[in-house]
Amino acid sequence: MRKMELIVKKFYDGLAEGKIYGRKCKECGAIDFPPHIACNVCGYHETEWVELSGKGILKSFVFTGPMNARAELESRGLRYVCGEVELDEGPAINSICLGVNKKKAREIEGKLPVRVKPVFQDMDGYTTLYFELDEDENK
């Protein structure tokens, strides 16, 4: 019988430590993020933990409307967009990119993709991964 790992626990414990974990398939080499016990590309059942840099590119973004705004971010006065982030290690996810207001959005819109880096935020007792523009890389 196969012993199941606590994938979610390791993932969130990593975030609390400022680390980002994915799972790499031992068959095809694809990296799943967020991590899954089996490969989402080829379906192979053996994967292993890998630490990801969290760096990548913001490929596209949109502002949220009132019906799908993130109340936990809005209440803290944080400006953000929702967008597609492709990590340097390969996986692409939909995520929040902090620090983008309307003015900044106009500046970067024609320059996409732009570099992003990870940001870890404590959100009422648990750590959440967001991204922000990597100003050093986007000069």
N, C-alpha and C. Protein backbone atom coordinates (compact mmCIF):
# COMPACT_ATOMS: atom_id res chain seq x y z
N MET A 1 0.85 -1.18 0.00
CA MET A 1 0.00 0.00 0.00
C MET A 1 0.90 1.25 0.00
N ARG A 2 0.54 2.23 -0.80
CA ARG A 2 1.30 3.46 -0.94
C ARG A 2 0.96 4.41 0.22
N LYS A 3 1.98 4.93 0.89
CA LYS A 3 1.78 5.88 1.98
C LYS A 3 1.60 7.28 1.39
N MET A 4 0.52 7.93 1.73
CA MET A 4 0.22 9.26 1.20
C MET A 4 0.94 10.34 2.01
N GLU A 5 1.53 11.28 1.31
CA GLU A 5 2.17 12.42 1.96
C GLU A 5 1.15 13.51 2.22
N LEU A 6 1.44 14.34 3.18
CA LEU A 6 0.58 15.48 3.46
C LEU A 6 1.05 16.66 2.60
N ILE A 7 0.64 16.64 1.33
CA ILE A 7 1.08 17.62 0.34
C ILE A 7 0.71 19.05 0.77
N VAL A 8 -0.51 19.26 1.18
CA VAL A 8 -0.97 20.60 1.54
C VAL A 8 -0.19 21.14 2.74
N LYS A 9 0.05 20.30 3.74
CA LYS A 9 0.78 20.73 4.93
C LYS A 9 2.20 21.17 4.57
N LYS A 10 2.91 20.37 3.81
CA LYS A 10 4.29 20.72 3.43
C LYS A 10 4.30 22.02 2.62
N PHE A 11 3.35 22.18 1.72
CA PHE A 11 3.26 23.38 0.89
C PHE A 11 3.09 24.63 1.76
N TYR A 12 2.12 24.61 2.67
CA TYR A 12 1.86 25.78 3.52
C TYR A 12 2.94 25.98 4.57
N ASP A 13 3.51 24.93 5.09
CA ASP A 13 4.65 25.08 6.00
C ASP A 13 5.81 25.76 5.28
N GLY A 14 6.02 25.39 4.02
CA GLY A 14 7.07 26.02 3.21
C GLY A 14 6.81 27.50 3.03
N LEU A 15 5.59 27.87 2.71
CA LEU A 15 5.27 29.28 2.54
C LEU A 15 5.55 30.06 3.83
N ALA A 16 5.21 29.48 4.96
CA ALA A 16 5.46 30.14 6.25
C ALA A 16 6.95 30.36 6.48
N GLU A 17 7.78 29.53 5.87
CA GLU A 17 9.24 29.65 5.98
C GLU A 17 9.84 30.46 4.83
N GLY A 18 8.98 30.99 3.95
CA GLY A 18 9.47 31.75 2.81
C GLY A 18 10.00 30.88 1.67
N LYS A 19 9.51 29.64 1.60
CA LYS A 19 9.94 28.71 0.55
C LYS A 19 8.73 28.30 -0.28
N ILE A 20 8.98 28.08 -1.55
CA ILE A 20 7.92 27.67 -2.47
C ILE A 20 8.25 26.28 -2.98
N TYR A 21 7.32 25.34 -2.74
CA TYR A 21 7.54 23.96 -3.16
C TYR A 21 6.58 23.55 -4.28
N GLY A 22 7.11 22.80 -5.21
CA GLY A 22 6.32 22.15 -6.24
C GLY A 22 6.69 20.67 -6.23
N ARG A 23 6.11 19.91 -7.14
CA ARG A 23 6.43 18.49 -7.27
C ARG A 23 6.89 18.23 -8.70
N LYS A 24 8.02 17.53 -8.83
CA LYS A 24 8.58 17.22 -10.14
C LYS A 24 8.33 15.75 -10.46
N CYS A 25 7.83 15.50 -11.65
CA CYS A 25 7.53 14.14 -12.09
C CYS A 25 8.83 13.39 -12.37
N LYS A 26 8.92 12.18 -11.84
CA LYS A 26 10.10 11.34 -12.07
C LYS A 26 10.09 10.71 -13.46
N GLU A 27 8.98 10.77 -14.14
CA GLU A 27 8.87 10.19 -15.48
C GLU A 27 9.15 11.22 -16.58
N CYS A 28 8.41 12.34 -16.58
CA CYS A 28 8.53 13.30 -17.68
C CYS A 28 9.25 14.59 -17.30
N GLY A 29 9.47 14.81 -15.99
CA GLY A 29 10.20 15.99 -15.54
C GLY A 29 9.37 17.24 -15.37
N ALA A 30 8.07 17.17 -15.66
CA ALA A 30 7.20 18.34 -15.49
C ALA A 30 7.10 18.70 -14.01
N ILE A 31 6.96 19.99 -13.74
CA ILE A 31 6.81 20.46 -12.37
C ILE A 31 5.38 20.95 -12.17
N ASP A 32 4.72 20.41 -11.15
CA ASP A 32 3.37 20.84 -10.79
C ASP A 32 3.44 21.87 -9.68
N PHE A 33 2.78 22.99 -9.90
CA PHE A 33 2.63 24.01 -8.89
C PHE A 33 1.27 24.64 -9.06
N PRO A 34 0.47 24.69 -8.00
CA PRO A 34 0.69 24.08 -6.69
C PRO A 34 0.90 22.57 -6.82
N PRO A 35 1.57 22.00 -5.81
CA PRO A 35 1.96 20.59 -5.89
C PRO A 35 0.78 19.63 -5.82
N HIS A 36 0.95 18.52 -6.55
CA HIS A 36 -0.02 17.42 -6.55
C HIS A 36 0.76 16.12 -6.34
N ILE A 37 0.09 15.10 -5.89
CA ILE A 37 0.75 13.83 -5.61
C ILE A 37 1.14 13.10 -6.91
N ALA A 38 0.36 13.28 -7.97
CA ALA A 38 0.67 12.65 -9.27
C ALA A 38 0.85 13.74 -10.31
N CYS A 39 1.55 13.42 -11.38
CA CYS A 39 1.85 14.39 -12.44
C CYS A 39 0.59 14.78 -13.21
N ASN A 40 0.38 16.06 -13.39
CA ASN A 40 -0.76 16.54 -14.17
C ASN A 40 -0.50 16.53 -15.67
N VAL A 41 0.76 16.30 -16.08
CA VAL A 41 1.08 16.26 -17.50
C VAL A 41 0.93 14.85 -18.05
N CYS A 42 1.62 13.89 -17.42
CA CYS A 42 1.60 12.52 -17.96
C CYS A 42 0.84 11.52 -17.07
N GLY A 43 0.48 11.94 -15.87
CA GLY A 43 -0.28 11.06 -14.98
C GLY A 43 0.55 10.10 -14.16
N TYR A 44 1.87 10.16 -14.30
CA TYR A 44 2.74 9.24 -13.56
C TYR A 44 2.57 9.46 -12.05
N HIS A 45 2.65 8.39 -11.29
CA HIS A 45 2.33 8.44 -9.87
C HIS A 45 3.50 8.82 -8.97
N GLU A 46 4.72 8.90 -9.49
CA GLU A 46 5.86 9.23 -8.63
C GLU A 46 6.37 10.63 -8.94
N THR A 47 6.29 11.48 -7.92
CA THR A 47 6.81 12.84 -8.02
C THR A 47 7.67 13.10 -6.79
N GLU A 48 8.49 14.13 -6.88
CA GLU A 48 9.35 14.47 -5.75
C GLU A 48 9.32 15.98 -5.52
N TRP A 49 9.59 16.37 -4.29
CA TRP A 49 9.59 17.78 -3.93
C TRP A 49 10.75 18.51 -4.60
N VAL A 50 10.46 19.73 -5.07
CA VAL A 50 11.49 20.64 -5.56
C VAL A 50 11.17 22.03 -5.02
N GLU A 51 12.22 22.77 -4.68
CA GLU A 51 12.02 24.15 -4.24
C GLU A 51 12.09 25.05 -5.47
N LEU A 52 11.11 25.93 -5.59
CA LEU A 52 11.03 26.84 -6.71
C LEU A 52 11.51 28.23 -6.30
N SER A 53 12.03 28.98 -7.24
CA SER A 53 12.54 30.32 -6.93
C SER A 53 11.41 31.31 -6.69
N GLY A 54 10.27 31.09 -7.32
CA GLY A 54 9.17 32.05 -7.24
C GLY A 54 9.31 33.19 -8.22
N LYS A 55 10.44 33.24 -8.91
CA LYS A 55 10.63 34.28 -9.91
C LYS A 55 10.03 33.83 -11.23
N GLY A 56 9.59 34.80 -12.01
CA GLY A 56 8.99 34.46 -13.29
C GLY A 56 8.57 35.70 -14.04
N ILE A 57 7.56 35.52 -14.89
CA ILE A 57 7.05 36.63 -15.68
C ILE A 57 5.55 36.75 -15.53
N LEU A 58 5.08 37.98 -15.54
CA LEU A 58 3.65 38.28 -15.60
C LEU A 58 3.33 38.42 -17.08
N LYS A 59 2.53 37.49 -17.61
CA LYS A 59 2.25 37.45 -19.04
C LYS A 59 1.05 38.29 -19.44
N SER A 60 0.07 38.37 -18.55
CA SER A 60 -1.14 39.14 -18.82
C SER A 60 -1.79 39.46 -17.48
N PHE A 61 -2.68 40.45 -17.46
CA PHE A 61 -3.36 40.79 -16.20
C PHE A 61 -4.67 41.50 -16.47
N VAL A 62 -5.52 41.48 -15.46
CA VAL A 62 -6.80 42.21 -15.46
C VAL A 62 -7.03 42.77 -14.07
N PHE A 63 -7.78 43.85 -14.00
CA PHE A 63 -8.25 44.36 -12.72
C PHE A 63 -9.54 43.63 -12.38
N THR A 64 -9.77 43.40 -11.11
CA THR A 64 -11.01 42.74 -10.69
C THR A 64 -12.14 43.75 -10.64
N GLY A 65 -13.32 43.26 -10.85
CA GLY A 65 -14.51 44.08 -10.70
C GLY A 65 -15.02 43.98 -9.27
N PRO A 66 -16.02 44.77 -8.93
CA PRO A 66 -16.53 44.78 -7.55
C PRO A 66 -17.02 43.42 -7.06
N MET A 67 -17.55 42.61 -7.96
CA MET A 67 -18.11 41.32 -7.54
C MET A 67 -17.05 40.27 -7.24
N ASN A 68 -15.83 40.44 -7.75
CA ASN A 68 -14.80 39.45 -7.48
C ASN A 68 -13.53 40.07 -6.89
N ALA A 69 -13.69 41.23 -6.28
CA ALA A 69 -12.55 41.88 -5.61
C ALA A 69 -12.12 41.04 -4.41
N ARG A 70 -10.86 41.12 -4.06
CA ARG A 70 -10.31 40.39 -2.92
C ARG A 70 -10.41 41.27 -1.68
N ALA A 71 -11.42 41.03 -0.87
CA ALA A 71 -11.71 41.86 0.30
C ALA A 71 -10.52 41.93 1.26
N GLU A 72 -9.79 40.81 1.42
CA GLU A 72 -8.67 40.80 2.36
C GLU A 72 -7.54 41.71 1.90
N LEU A 73 -7.43 41.95 0.61
CA LEU A 73 -6.41 42.85 0.08
C LEU A 73 -6.92 44.29 0.08
N GLU A 74 -8.15 44.46 -0.32
CA GLU A 74 -8.75 45.79 -0.38
C GLU A 74 -8.81 46.42 1.01
N SER A 75 -9.12 45.62 2.03
CA SER A 75 -9.22 46.16 3.39
C SER A 75 -7.86 46.63 3.92
N ARG A 76 -6.80 46.13 3.35
CA ARG A 76 -5.44 46.55 3.74
C ARG A 76 -4.90 47.66 2.85
N GLY A 77 -5.72 48.12 1.91
CA GLY A 77 -5.31 49.19 1.02
C GLY A 77 -4.30 48.76 -0.04
N LEU A 78 -4.20 47.47 -0.30
CA LEU A 78 -3.23 46.96 -1.27
C LEU A 78 -3.80 47.06 -2.68
N ARG A 79 -2.99 47.54 -3.60
CA ARG A 79 -3.36 47.60 -5.02
C ARG A 79 -2.84 46.33 -5.69
N TYR A 80 -3.62 45.80 -6.62
CA TYR A 80 -3.25 44.52 -7.22
C TYR A 80 -3.99 44.30 -8.53
N VAL A 81 -3.47 43.36 -9.29
CA VAL A 81 -4.16 42.84 -10.47
C VAL A 81 -4.12 41.32 -10.38
N CYS A 82 -5.00 40.69 -11.12
CA CYS A 82 -4.98 39.23 -11.26
C CYS A 82 -4.35 38.94 -12.62
N GLY A 83 -3.44 37.97 -12.65
CA GLY A 83 -2.78 37.71 -13.91
C GLY A 83 -2.18 36.34 -14.01
N GLU A 84 -1.69 36.05 -15.21
CA GLU A 84 -1.01 34.78 -15.46
C GLU A 84 0.47 34.96 -15.20
N VAL A 85 0.97 34.19 -14.23
CA VAL A 85 2.38 34.21 -13.89
C VAL A 85 2.99 32.88 -14.33
N GLU A 86 4.05 32.97 -15.12
CA GLU A 86 4.78 31.77 -15.52
C GLU A 86 6.10 31.76 -14.76
N LEU A 87 6.27 30.76 -13.92
CA LEU A 87 7.49 30.65 -13.13
C LEU A 87 8.67 30.25 -14.00
N ASP A 88 9.87 30.67 -13.61
CA ASP A 88 11.08 30.33 -14.36
C ASP A 88 11.24 28.83 -14.53
N GLU A 89 10.75 28.07 -13.57
CA GLU A 89 10.87 26.60 -13.63
C GLU A 89 9.83 25.94 -14.53
N GLY A 90 8.89 26.73 -15.08
CA GLY A 90 7.95 26.18 -16.05
C GLY A 90 6.48 26.32 -15.76
N PRO A 91 6.00 26.03 -14.54
CA PRO A 91 4.56 26.08 -14.31
C PRO A 91 3.99 27.49 -14.48
N ALA A 92 2.78 27.56 -14.98
CA ALA A 92 2.05 28.83 -15.10
C ALA A 92 0.80 28.76 -14.22
N ILE A 93 0.54 29.84 -13.51
CA ILE A 93 -0.61 29.88 -12.61
C ILE A 93 -1.31 31.22 -12.72
N ASN A 94 -2.56 31.27 -12.33
CA ASN A 94 -3.26 32.53 -12.16
C ASN A 94 -3.01 32.97 -10.74
N SER A 95 -2.58 34.22 -10.57
CA SER A 95 -2.22 34.69 -9.25
C SER A 95 -2.47 36.18 -9.12
N ILE A 96 -2.19 36.68 -7.94
CA ILE A 96 -2.30 38.10 -7.62
C ILE A 96 -0.92 38.73 -7.76
N CYS A 97 -0.87 39.88 -8.41
CA CYS A 97 0.36 40.66 -8.49
C CYS A 97 0.10 41.97 -7.75
N LEU A 98 0.80 42.14 -6.63
CA LEU A 98 0.61 43.31 -5.77
C LEU A 98 1.35 44.53 -6.32
N GLY A 99 0.88 45.70 -5.90
CA GLY A 99 1.57 46.94 -6.22
C GLY A 99 1.27 47.50 -7.59
N VAL A 100 0.25 47.00 -8.24
CA VAL A 100 -0.10 47.50 -9.57
C VAL A 100 -1.39 48.30 -9.48
N ASN A 101 -1.26 49.62 -9.63
CA ASN A 101 -2.43 50.49 -9.70
C ASN A 101 -2.67 50.83 -11.17
N LYS A 102 -3.63 51.69 -11.46
CA LYS A 102 -3.96 52.01 -12.85
C LYS A 102 -2.77 52.65 -13.57
N LYS A 103 -2.05 53.53 -12.90
CA LYS A 103 -0.90 54.19 -13.51
C LYS A 103 0.19 53.17 -13.86
N LYS A 104 0.53 52.30 -12.92
CA LYS A 104 1.55 51.28 -13.15
C LYS A 104 1.10 50.33 -14.26
N ALA A 105 -0.18 50.02 -14.30
CA ALA A 105 -0.71 49.13 -15.33
C ALA A 105 -0.49 49.73 -16.72
N ARG A 106 -0.72 51.02 -16.87
CA ARG A 106 -0.50 51.67 -18.16
C ARG A 106 0.99 51.61 -18.55
N GLU A 107 1.87 51.73 -17.56
CA GLU A 107 3.32 51.70 -17.82
C GLU A 107 3.77 50.33 -18.34
N ILE A 108 3.23 49.26 -17.78
CA ILE A 108 3.73 47.92 -18.12
C ILE A 108 2.93 47.23 -19.21
N GLU A 109 1.74 47.73 -19.52
CA GLU A 109 0.86 47.03 -20.45
C GLU A 109 1.53 46.72 -21.79
N GLY A 110 2.24 47.65 -22.37
CA GLY A 110 2.90 47.42 -23.65
C GLY A 110 4.24 46.72 -23.52
N LYS A 111 4.68 46.46 -22.29
CA LYS A 111 5.99 45.83 -22.07
C LYS A 111 5.87 44.36 -21.66
N LEU A 112 4.67 43.83 -21.63
CA LEU A 112 4.49 42.45 -21.21
C LEU A 112 5.23 41.50 -22.13
N PRO A 113 5.79 40.43 -21.61
CA PRO A 113 5.80 40.03 -20.21
C PRO A 113 6.83 40.83 -19.42
N VAL A 114 6.54 40.99 -18.11
CA VAL A 114 7.47 41.68 -17.20
C VAL A 114 7.84 40.73 -16.07
N ARG A 115 9.02 40.93 -15.50
CA ARG A 115 9.53 40.06 -14.44
C ARG A 115 8.79 40.30 -13.13
N VAL A 116 8.55 39.22 -12.40
CA VAL A 116 7.93 39.28 -11.07
C VAL A 116 8.75 38.45 -10.09
N LYS A 117 8.54 38.73 -8.82
CA LYS A 117 9.19 37.97 -7.76
C LYS A 117 8.15 37.67 -6.69
N PRO A 118 8.43 36.68 -5.84
CA PRO A 118 7.44 36.27 -4.84
C PRO A 118 7.36 37.25 -3.67
N VAL A 119 6.17 37.31 -3.09
CA VAL A 119 5.91 38.07 -1.88
C VAL A 119 5.09 37.18 -0.96
N PHE A 120 5.51 37.05 0.28
CA PHE A 120 4.79 36.22 1.24
C PHE A 120 4.06 37.16 2.21
N GLN A 121 2.76 37.01 2.31
CA GLN A 121 1.94 37.86 3.18
C GLN A 121 1.25 37.03 4.24
N ASP A 122 1.32 37.49 5.48
CA ASP A 122 0.55 36.86 6.54
C ASP A 122 -0.88 37.33 6.40
N MET A 123 -1.78 36.41 6.22
CA MET A 123 -3.20 36.73 6.06
C MET A 123 -3.99 36.07 7.19
N ASP A 124 -4.02 36.76 8.32
CA ASP A 124 -4.79 36.29 9.47
C ASP A 124 -4.37 34.89 9.93
N GLY A 125 -3.06 34.69 10.08
CA GLY A 125 -2.58 33.45 10.66
C GLY A 125 -2.06 32.42 9.69
N TYR A 126 -2.19 32.66 8.39
CA TYR A 126 -1.58 31.74 7.44
C TYR A 126 -0.86 32.56 6.37
N THR A 127 0.15 31.98 5.79
CA THR A 127 0.96 32.68 4.81
C THR A 127 0.45 32.41 3.40
N THR A 128 0.31 33.48 2.64
CA THR A 128 -0.17 33.39 1.27
C THR A 128 0.92 33.88 0.32
N LEU A 129 1.03 33.24 -0.82
CA LEU A 129 1.99 33.63 -1.84
C LEU A 129 1.32 34.55 -2.84
N TYR A 130 1.93 35.73 -3.03
CA TYR A 130 1.55 36.65 -4.08
C TYR A 130 2.81 36.96 -4.87
N PHE A 131 2.68 37.82 -5.85
CA PHE A 131 3.84 38.26 -6.62
C PHE A 131 3.83 39.78 -6.67
N GLU A 132 4.97 40.35 -7.02
CA GLU A 132 5.07 41.79 -7.26
C GLU A 132 6.06 41.99 -8.39
N LEU A 133 5.97 43.14 -9.03
CA LEU A 133 6.89 43.45 -10.12
C LEU A 133 8.30 43.49 -9.56
N ASP A 134 9.24 42.92 -10.31
CA ASP A 134 10.64 42.93 -9.93
C ASP A 134 11.28 44.13 -10.62
N GLU A 135 11.26 45.27 -9.93
CA GLU A 135 11.72 46.53 -10.52
C GLU A 135 13.18 46.45 -10.96
N ASP A 136 14.02 45.69 -10.24
CA ASP A 136 15.43 45.56 -10.61
C ASP A 136 15.58 44.86 -11.97
N GLU A 137 14.73 43.88 -12.23
CA GLU A 137 14.82 43.11 -13.46
C GLU A 137 14.13 43.80 -14.64
N ASN A 138 13.23 44.74 -14.35
CA ASN A 138 12.42 45.37 -15.42
C ASN A 138 12.96 46.72 -15.85
N LYS A 139 14.20 47.03 -15.57
CA LYS A 139 14.77 48.33 -15.96
C LYS A 139 15.14 48.37 -17.41
